[in-house]
PDB file of N, CA and C in Angstrom:
ATOM      1  N   UNK A   1      -7.104 -45.327  15.706  1.00  0.00           N
ATOM      2  CA  UNK A   1      -5.963 -46.055  16.202  1.00  0.00           C
ATOM      3  C   UNK A   1      -6.326 -46.929  17.391  1.00  0.00           C
ATOM      4  N   UNK A   2      -7.563 -47.264  17.556  1.00  0.00           N
ATOM      5  CA  UNK A   2      -7.959 -48.129  18.660  1.00  0.00           C
ATOM      6  C   UNK A   2      -8.427 -47.341  19.862  1.00  0.00           C
ATOM      7  N   UNK A   3      -8.654 -48.056  20.926  1.00  0.00           N
ATOM      8  CA  UNK A   3      -9.159 -47.478  22.154  1.00  0.00           C
ATOM      9  C   UNK A   3      -8.143 -47.653  23.266  1.00  0.00           C
ATOM     10  N   UNK A   4      -8.231 -46.781  24.233  1.00  0.00           N
ATOM     11  CA  UNK A   4      -7.294 -46.794  25.347  1.00  0.00           C
ATOM     12  C   UNK A   4      -8.088 -46.814  26.652  1.00  0.00           C
ATOM     13  N   UNK A   5      -7.857 -47.813  27.485  1.00  0.00           N
ATOM     14  CA  UNK A   5      -8.545 -47.933  28.773  1.00  0.00           C
ATOM     15  C   UNK A   5      -7.509 -48.220  29.847  1.00  0.00           C
ATOM     16  N   UNK A   6      -7.649 -47.558  30.979  1.00  0.00           N
ATOM     17  CA  UNK A   6      -6.809 -47.922  32.119  1.00  0.00           C
ATOM     18  C   UNK A   6      -7.515 -47.577  33.425  1.00  0.00           C
ATOM     19  N   UNK A   7      -7.046 -48.229  34.456  1.00  0.00           N
ATOM     20  CA  UNK A   7      -7.545 -48.016  35.803  1.00  0.00           C
ATOM     21  C   UNK A   7      -6.353 -47.622  36.666  1.00  0.00           C
ATOM     22  N   UNK A   8      -6.516 -46.584  37.468  1.00  0.00           N
ATOM     23  CA  UNK A   8      -5.441 -46.127  38.342  1.00  0.00           C
ATOM     24  C   UNK A   8      -5.952 -46.111  39.780  1.00  0.00           C
ATOM     25  N   UNK A   9      -5.201 -46.732  40.662  1.00  0.00           N
ATOM     26  CA  UNK A   9      -5.569 -46.790  42.078  1.00  0.00           C
ATOM     27  C   UNK A   9      -4.477 -46.075  42.870  1.00  0.00           C
ATOM     28  N   UNK A  10      -4.886 -45.186  43.757  1.00  0.00           N
ATOM     29  CA  UNK A  10      -3.923 -44.470  44.586  1.00  0.00           C
ATOM     30  C   UNK A  10      -4.431 -44.336  46.011  1.00  0.00           C
ATOM     31  N   UNK A  11      -3.491 -44.346  46.923  1.00  0.00           N
ATOM     32  CA  UNK A  11      -3.795 -44.145  48.333  1.00  0.00           C
ATOM     33  C   UNK A  11      -3.258 -42.789  48.738  1.00  0.00           C
ATOM     34  N   UNK A  12      -4.044 -42.043  49.459  1.00  0.00           N
ATOM     35  CA  UNK A  12      -3.598 -40.756  49.981  1.00  0.00           C
ATOM     36  C   UNK A  12      -3.540 -40.860  51.494  1.00  0.00           C
ATOM     37  N   UNK A  13      -2.345 -40.630  52.008  1.00  0.00           N
ATOM     38  CA  UNK A  13      -2.092 -40.754  53.439  1.00  0.00           C
ATOM     39  C   UNK A  13      -1.989 -39.345  54.024  1.00  0.00           C
ATOM     40  N   UNK A  14      -2.920 -38.977  54.886  1.00  0.00           N
ATOM     41  CA  UNK A  14      -2.908 -37.639  55.463  1.00  0.00           C
ATOM     42  C   UNK A  14      -2.319 -37.617  56.870  1.00  0.00           C
ATOM     43  N   UNK A  15      -2.258 -38.768  57.524  1.00  0.00           N
ATOM     44  CA  UNK A  15      -1.685 -38.844  58.862  1.00  0.00           C
ATOM     45  C   UNK A  15      -1.281 -40.290  59.122  1.00  0.00           C
ATOM     46  N   UNK A  16      -0.553 -40.508  60.197  1.00  0.00           N
ATOM     47  CA  UNK A  16      -0.148 -41.879  60.527  1.00  0.00           C
ATOM     48  C   UNK A  16      -1.311 -42.699  61.067  1.00  0.00           C
ATOM     49  N   UNK A  17      -2.392 -42.038  61.378  1.00  0.00           N
ATOM     50  CA  UNK A  17      -3.600 -42.729  61.818  1.00  0.00           C
ATOM     51  C   UNK A  17      -4.201 -43.450  60.611  1.00  0.00           C
ATOM     52  N   UNK A  18      -4.420 -44.750  60.704  1.00  0.00           N
ATOM     53  CA  UNK A  18      -4.944 -45.517  59.578  1.00  0.00           C
ATOM     54  C   UNK A  18      -6.342 -45.079  59.171  1.00  0.00           C
ATOM     55  N   UNK A  19      -7.025 -44.338  60.022  1.00  0.00           N
ATOM     56  CA  UNK A  19      -8.355 -43.853  59.675  1.00  0.00           C
ATOM     57  C   UNK A  19      -8.279 -42.697  58.676  1.00  0.00           C
ATOM     58  N   UNK A  20      -7.109 -42.083  58.556  1.00  0.00           N
ATOM     59  CA  UNK A  20      -6.951 -40.938  57.666  1.00  0.00           C
ATOM     60  C   UNK A  20      -6.527 -41.310  56.260  1.00  0.00           C
ATOM     61  N   UNK A  21      -6.633 -42.570  55.874  1.00  0.00           N
ATOM     62  CA  UNK A  21      -6.216 -43.010  54.545  1.00  0.00           C
ATOM     63  C   UNK A  21      -7.405 -42.937  53.589  1.00  0.00           C
ATOM     64  N   UNK A  22      -7.134 -42.409  52.398  1.00  0.00           N
ATOM     65  CA  UNK A  22      -8.164 -42.278  51.373  1.00  0.00           C
ATOM     66  C   UNK A  22      -7.746 -43.086  50.143  1.00  0.00           C
ATOM     67  N   UNK A  23      -8.646 -43.889  49.626  1.00  0.00           N
ATOM     68  CA  UNK A  23      -8.419 -44.663  48.399  1.00  0.00           C
ATOM     69  C   UNK A  23      -9.186 -44.001  47.270  1.00  0.00           C
ATOM     70  N   UNK A  24      -8.496 -43.776  46.167  1.00  0.00           N
ATOM     71  CA  UNK A  24      -9.142 -43.231  44.972  1.00  0.00           C
ATOM     72  C   UNK A  24      -8.804 -44.148  43.809  1.00  0.00           C
ATOM     73  N   UNK A  25      -9.847 -44.642  43.138  1.00  0.00           N
ATOM     74  CA  UNK A  25      -9.676 -45.488  41.964  1.00  0.00           C
ATOM     75  C   UNK A  25     -10.366 -44.805  40.798  1.00  0.00           C
ATOM     76  N   UNK A  26      -9.611 -44.550  39.735  1.00  0.00           N
ATOM     77  CA  UNK A  26     -10.144 -43.882  38.550  1.00  0.00           C
ATOM     78  C   UNK A  26     -10.165 -44.846  37.379  1.00  0.00           C
ATOM     79  N   UNK A  27     -11.246 -44.824  36.630  1.00  0.00           N
ATOM     80  CA  UNK A  27     -11.405 -45.621  35.422  1.00  0.00           C
ATOM     81  C   UNK A  27     -11.454 -44.658  34.241  1.00  0.00           C
ATOM     82  N   UNK A  28     -10.491 -44.792  33.336  1.00  0.00           N
ATOM     83  CA  UNK A  28     -10.312 -43.838  32.248  1.00  0.00           C
ATOM     84  C   UNK A  28     -10.456 -44.552  30.910  1.00  0.00           C
ATOM     85  N   UNK A  29     -11.212 -43.950  30.000  1.00  0.00           N
ATOM     86  CA  UNK A  29     -11.366 -44.477  28.648  1.00  0.00           C
ATOM     87  C   UNK A  29     -11.073 -43.354  27.665  1.00  0.00           C
ATOM     88  N   UNK A  30     -10.107 -43.565  26.798  1.00  0.00           N
ATOM     89  CA  UNK A  30      -9.689 -42.563  25.812  1.00  0.00           C
ATOM     90  C   UNK A  30      -9.422 -41.202  26.448  1.00  0.00           C
ATOM     91  N   UNK A  31      -8.640 -41.201  27.480  1.00  0.00           N
ATOM     92  CA  UNK A  31      -8.156 -40.032  28.201  1.00  0.00           C
ATOM     93  C   UNK A  31      -9.247 -39.259  28.937  1.00  0.00           C
ATOM     94  N   UNK A  32     -10.430 -39.819  29.064  1.00  0.00           N
ATOM     95  CA  UNK A  32     -11.512 -39.175  29.814  1.00  0.00           C
ATOM     96  C   UNK A  32     -11.868 -40.056  31.005  1.00  0.00           C
ATOM     97  N   UNK A  33     -11.843 -39.477  32.183  1.00  0.00           N
ATOM     98  CA  UNK A  33     -12.222 -40.240  33.369  1.00  0.00           C
ATOM     99  C   UNK A  33     -13.730 -40.471  33.339  1.00  0.00           C
ATOM    100  N   UNK A  34     -14.116 -41.739  33.352  1.00  0.00           N
ATOM    101  CA  UNK A  34     -15.534 -42.099  33.310  1.00  0.00           C
ATOM    102  C   UNK A  34     -16.115 -42.283  34.699  1.00  0.00           C
ATOM    103  N   UNK A  35     -15.369 -42.964  35.555  1.00  0.00           N
ATOM    104  CA  UNK A  35     -15.860 -43.318  36.890  1.00  0.00           C
ATOM    105  C   UNK A  35     -14.732 -43.151  37.887  1.00  0.00           C
ATOM    106  N   UNK A  36     -15.095 -42.725  39.096  1.00  0.00           N
ATOM    107  CA  UNK A  36     -14.125 -42.647  40.188  1.00  0.00           C
ATOM    108  C   UNK A  36     -14.766 -43.207  41.455  1.00  0.00           C
ATOM    109  N   UNK A  37     -13.971 -44.001  42.158  1.00  0.00           N
ATOM    110  CA  UNK A  37     -14.359 -44.427  43.502  1.00  0.00           C
ATOM    111  C   UNK A  37     -13.495 -43.657  44.475  1.00  0.00           C
ATOM    112  N   UNK A  38     -14.121 -43.063  45.463  1.00  0.00           N
ATOM    113  CA  UNK A  38     -13.408 -42.353  46.516  1.00  0.00           C
ATOM    114  C   UNK A  38     -13.906 -42.914  47.840  1.00  0.00           C
ATOM    115  N   UNK A  39     -12.989 -43.448  48.653  1.00  0.00           N
ATOM    116  CA  UNK A  39     -13.406 -44.089  49.899  1.00  0.00           C
ATOM    117  C   UNK A  39     -14.002 -43.090  50.882  1.00  0.00           C
ATOM    118  N   UNK A  40     -13.638 -41.819  50.774  1.00  0.00           N
ATOM    119  CA  UNK A  40     -14.228 -40.804  51.646  1.00  0.00           C
ATOM    120  C   UNK A  40     -15.696 -40.594  51.299  1.00  0.00           C
ATOM    121  N   UNK A  41     -16.005 -40.588  50.008  1.00  0.00           N
ATOM    122  CA  UNK A  41     -17.391 -40.469  49.556  1.00  0.00           C
ATOM    123  C   UNK A  41     -18.127 -41.786  49.799  1.00  0.00           C
ATOM    124  N   UNK A  42     -17.402 -42.912  49.618  1.00  0.00           N
ATOM    125  CA  UNK A  42     -17.965 -44.225  49.897  1.00  0.00           C
ATOM    126  C   UNK A  42     -18.772 -44.836  48.774  1.00  0.00           C
ATOM    127  N   UNK A  43     -18.588 -44.308  47.557  1.00  0.00           N
ATOM    128  CA  UNK A  43     -19.321 -44.862  46.426  1.00  0.00           C
ATOM    129  C   UNK A  43     -18.629 -44.470  45.124  1.00  0.00           C
ATOM    130  N   UNK A  44     -19.099 -45.083  44.023  1.00  0.00           N
ATOM    131  CA  UNK A  44     -18.625 -44.744  42.689  1.00  0.00           C
ATOM    132  C   UNK A  44     -19.385 -43.527  42.190  1.00  0.00           C
ATOM    133  N   UNK A  45     -18.691 -42.649  41.476  1.00  0.00           N
ATOM    134  CA  UNK A  45     -19.313 -41.468  40.878  1.00  0.00           C
ATOM    135  C   UNK A  45     -18.961 -41.476  39.396  1.00  0.00           C
ATOM    136  N   UNK A  46     -19.971 -41.288  38.543  1.00  0.00           N
ATOM    137  CA  UNK A  46     -19.751 -41.255  37.105  1.00  0.00           C
ATOM    138  C   UNK A  46     -19.593 -39.842  36.603  1.00  0.00           C
ATOM    139  N   UNK A  47     -18.744 -39.659  35.586  1.00  0.00           N
ATOM    140  CA  UNK A  47     -18.480 -38.331  35.025  1.00  0.00           C
ATOM    141  C   UNK A  47     -18.898 -38.205  33.572  1.00  0.00           C
ATOM    142  N   UNK A  48     -19.275 -39.295  32.944  1.00  0.00           N
ATOM    143  CA  UNK A  48     -19.793 -39.286  31.578  1.00  0.00           C
ATOM    144  C   UNK A  48     -21.129 -40.012  31.599  1.00  0.00           C
ATOM    145  N   UNK A  49     -21.843 -39.962  30.495  1.00  0.00           N
ATOM    146  CA  UNK A  49     -23.136 -40.647  30.440  1.00  0.00           C
ATOM    147  C   UNK A  49     -22.963 -42.143  30.713  1.00  0.00           C
ATOM    148  N   UNK A  50     -21.990 -42.740  30.067  1.00  0.00           N
ATOM    149  CA  UNK A  50     -21.704 -44.157  30.284  1.00  0.00           C
ATOM    150  C   UNK A  50     -21.225 -44.406  31.713  1.00  0.00           C
ATOM    151  N   UNK A  51     -20.393 -43.510  32.229  1.00  0.00           N
ATOM    152  CA  UNK A  51     -19.873 -43.648  33.583  1.00  0.00           C
ATOM    153  C   UNK A  51     -20.950 -43.549  34.645  1.00  0.00           C
ATOM    154  N   UNK A  52     -21.918 -42.673  34.455  1.00  0.00           N
ATOM    155  CA  UNK A  52     -23.015 -42.520  35.416  1.00  0.00           C
ATOM    156  C   UNK A  52     -23.832 -43.801  35.489  1.00  0.00           C
ATOM    157  N   UNK A  53     -24.116 -44.397  34.334  1.00  0.00           N
ATOM    158  CA  UNK A  53     -24.887 -45.652  34.310  1.00  0.00           C
ATOM    159  C   UNK A  53     -24.127 -46.776  35.013  1.00  0.00           C
ATOM    160  N   UNK A  54     -22.829 -46.888  34.723  1.00  0.00           N
ATOM    161  CA  UNK A  54     -22.039 -47.933  35.371  1.00  0.00           C
ATOM    162  C   UNK A  54     -21.890 -47.672  36.867  1.00  0.00           C
ATOM    163  N   UNK A  55     -21.695 -46.437  37.266  1.00  0.00           N
ATOM    164  CA  UNK A  55     -21.551 -46.116  38.684  1.00  0.00           C
ATOM    165  C   UNK A  55     -22.817 -46.494  39.451  1.00  0.00           C
ATOM    166  N   UNK A  56     -23.969 -46.213  38.888  1.00  0.00           N
ATOM    167  CA  UNK A  56     -25.225 -46.579  39.540  1.00  0.00           C
ATOM    168  C   UNK A  56     -25.311 -48.086  39.735  1.00  0.00           C
ATOM    169  N   UNK A  57     -24.951 -48.836  38.707  1.00  0.00           N
ATOM    170  CA  UNK A  57     -24.999 -50.302  38.796  1.00  0.00           C
ATOM    171  C   UNK A  57     -23.953 -50.826  39.778  1.00  0.00           C
ATOM    172  N   UNK A  58     -22.747 -50.292  39.736  1.00  0.00           N
ATOM    173  CA  UNK A  58     -21.675 -50.755  40.624  1.00  0.00           C
ATOM    174  C   UNK A  58     -21.972 -50.433  42.086  1.00  0.00           C
ATOM    175  N   UNK A  59     -22.663 -49.328  42.349  1.00  0.00           N
ATOM    176  CA  UNK A  59     -23.009 -48.979  43.733  1.00  0.00           C
ATOM    177  C   UNK A  59     -24.062 -49.917  44.314  1.00  0.00           C
ATOM    178  N   UNK A  60     -24.793 -50.621  43.456  1.00  0.00           N
ATOM    179  CA  UNK A  60     -25.817 -51.568  43.902  1.00  0.00           C
ATOM    180  C   UNK A  60     -25.317 -53.006  43.913  1.00  0.00           C
ATOM    181  N   UNK A  61     -24.152 -53.241  43.341  1.00  0.00           N
ATOM    182  CA  UNK A  61     -23.651 -54.607  43.187  1.00  0.00           C
ATOM    183  C   UNK A  61     -22.454 -54.905  44.063  1.00  0.00           C
ATOM    184  N   UNK A  62     -21.821 -56.049  43.810  1.00  0.00           N
ATOM    185  CA  UNK A  62     -20.678 -56.481  44.621  1.00  0.00           C
ATOM    186  C   UNK A  62     -19.425 -55.638  44.394  1.00  0.00           C
ATOM    187  N   UNK A  63     -19.409 -54.836  43.342  1.00  0.00           N
ATOM    188  CA  UNK A  63     -18.239 -54.001  43.056  1.00  0.00           C
ATOM    189  C   UNK A  63     -17.953 -53.013  44.187  1.00  0.00           C
ATOM    190  N   UNK A  64     -19.001 -52.494  44.819  1.00  0.00           N
ATOM    191  CA  UNK A  64     -18.809 -51.523  45.905  1.00  0.00           C
ATOM    192  C   UNK A  64     -18.113 -52.169  47.089  1.00  0.00           C
ATOM    193  N   UNK A  65     -18.564 -53.342  47.503  1.00  0.00           N
ATOM    194  CA  UNK A  65     -17.915 -54.038  48.622  1.00  0.00           C
ATOM    195  C   UNK A  65     -16.478 -54.404  48.273  1.00  0.00           C
ATOM    196  N   UNK A  66     -16.255 -54.787  47.030  1.00  0.00           N
ATOM    197  CA  UNK A  66     -14.901 -55.120  46.600  1.00  0.00           C
ATOM    198  C   UNK A  66     -13.969 -53.937  46.670  1.00  0.00           C
ATOM    199  N   UNK A  67     -14.449 -52.786  46.261  1.00  0.00           N
ATOM    200  CA  UNK A  67     -13.608 -51.584  46.293  1.00  0.00           C
ATOM    201  C   UNK A  67     -13.351 -51.134  47.726  1.00  0.00           C
ATOM    202  N   UNK A  68     -14.333 -51.250  48.586  1.00  0.00           N
ATOM    203  CA  UNK A  68     -14.117 -50.922  50.003  1.00  0.00           C
ATOM    204  C   UNK A  68     -13.096 -51.864  50.619  1.00  0.00           C
ATOM    205  N   UNK A  69     -13.076 -53.116  50.174  1.00  0.00           N
ATOM    206  CA  UNK A  69     -12.081 -54.071  50.637  1.00  0.00           C
ATOM    207  C   UNK A  69     -10.676 -53.707  50.195  1.00  0.00           C
ATOM    208  N   UNK A  70     -10.554 -53.042  49.056  1.00  0.00           N
ATOM    209  CA  UNK A  70      -9.241 -52.617  48.568  1.00  0.00           C
ATOM    210  C   UNK A  70      -8.612 -51.571  49.487  1.00  0.00           C
ATOM    211  N   UNK A  71      -9.416 -50.788  50.156  1.00  0.00           N
ATOM    212  CA  UNK A  71      -8.882 -49.821  51.120  1.00  0.00           C
ATOM    213  C   UNK A  71      -8.090 -50.555  52.190  1.00  0.00           C
ATOM    214  N   UNK A  72      -8.636 -51.645  52.690  1.00  0.00           N
ATOM    215  CA  UNK A  72      -7.941 -52.448  53.700  1.00  0.00           C
ATOM    216  C   UNK A  72      -6.756 -53.201  53.102  1.00  0.00           C
ATOM    217  N   UNK A  73      -7.003 -53.892  51.978  1.00  0.00           N
ATOM    218  CA  UNK A  73      -5.998 -54.765  51.386  1.00  0.00           C
ATOM    219  C   UNK A  73      -4.835 -53.996  50.786  1.00  0.00           C
ATOM    220  N   UNK A  74      -5.109 -52.944  50.083  1.00  0.00           N
ATOM    221  CA  UNK A  74      -4.089 -52.247  49.317  1.00  0.00           C
ATOM    222  C   UNK A  74      -3.478 -51.080  50.092  1.00  0.00           C
ATOM    223  N   UNK A  75      -4.308 -50.219  50.640  1.00  0.00           N
ATOM    224  CA  UNK A  75      -3.794 -49.004  51.279  1.00  0.00           C
ATOM    225  C   UNK A  75      -3.291 -49.248  52.701  1.00  0.00           C
ATOM    226  N   UNK A  76      -4.149 -49.785  53.534  1.00  0.00           N
ATOM    227  CA  UNK A  76      -3.760 -49.956  54.935  1.00  0.00           C
ATOM    228  C   UNK A  76      -2.642 -50.980  55.085  1.00  0.00           C
ATOM    229  N   UNK A  77      -2.646 -51.984  54.222  1.00  0.00           N
ATOM    230  CA  UNK A  77      -1.597 -53.005  54.266  1.00  0.00           C
ATOM    231  C   UNK A  77      -0.227 -52.405  53.950  1.00  0.00           C
ATOM    232  N   UNK A  78      -0.184 -51.409  53.075  1.00  0.00           N
ATOM    233  CA  UNK A  78       1.074 -50.805  52.645  1.00  0.00           C
ATOM    234  C   UNK A  78       1.400 -49.501  53.363  1.00  0.00           C
ATOM    235  N   UNK A  79       0.639 -49.142  54.371  1.00  0.00           N
ATOM    236  CA  UNK A  79       0.868 -47.871  55.071  1.00  0.00           C
ATOM    237  C   UNK A  79       2.257 -47.818  55.701  1.00  0.00           C
ATOM    238  N   UNK A  80       2.733 -48.903  56.283  1.00  0.00           N
ATOM    239  CA  UNK A  80       4.066 -48.903  56.895  1.00  0.00           C
ATOM    240  C   UNK A  80       5.144 -48.571  55.866  1.00  0.00           C
ATOM    241  N   UNK A  81       5.021 -49.096  54.659  1.00  0.00           N
ATOM    242  CA  UNK A  81       5.972 -48.789  53.599  1.00  0.00           C
ATOM    243  C   UNK A  81       5.966 -47.299  53.270  1.00  0.00           C
ATOM    244  N   UNK A  82       4.782 -46.723  53.202  1.00  0.00           N
ATOM    245  CA  UNK A  82       4.662 -45.309  52.879  1.00  0.00           C
ATOM    246  C   UNK A  82       5.324 -44.448  53.963  1.00  0.00           C
ATOM    247  N   UNK A  83       5.021 -44.755  55.215  1.00  0.00           N
ATOM    248  CA  UNK A  83       5.533 -43.920  56.299  1.00  0.00           C
ATOM    249  C   UNK A  83       7.014 -44.125  56.564  1.00  0.00           C
ATOM    250  N   UNK A  84       7.578 -45.254  56.130  1.00  0.00           N
ATOM    251  CA  UNK A  84       8.999 -45.499  56.376  1.00  0.00           C
ATOM    252  C   UNK A  84       9.901 -44.830  55.352  1.00  0.00           C
ATOM    253  N   UNK A  85       9.340 -44.332  54.254  1.00  0.00           N
ATOM    254  CA  UNK A  85      10.171 -43.689  53.223  1.00  0.00           C
ATOM    255  C   UNK A  85      10.197 -42.193  53.355  1.00  0.00           C
TER     256      UNK A  85
END
């Protein structure tokens, strides 16, 4: 019935201090998480054979800097919204 791919990005706010924000981005293919970026770890981690190969390449390329930028752009930018609700 085809293939299913999605990416999910979430921010975890542990305190009002902007330094305590964690970004987690998961890449899922056919209900199996292949790769995860965790800003606390600071790199991509692969969970399948294909995911490990891609994580190694992404950690050496511009994808890593882009994902670190998402912590600032996506999570820290929206922190006020999170804390006001």
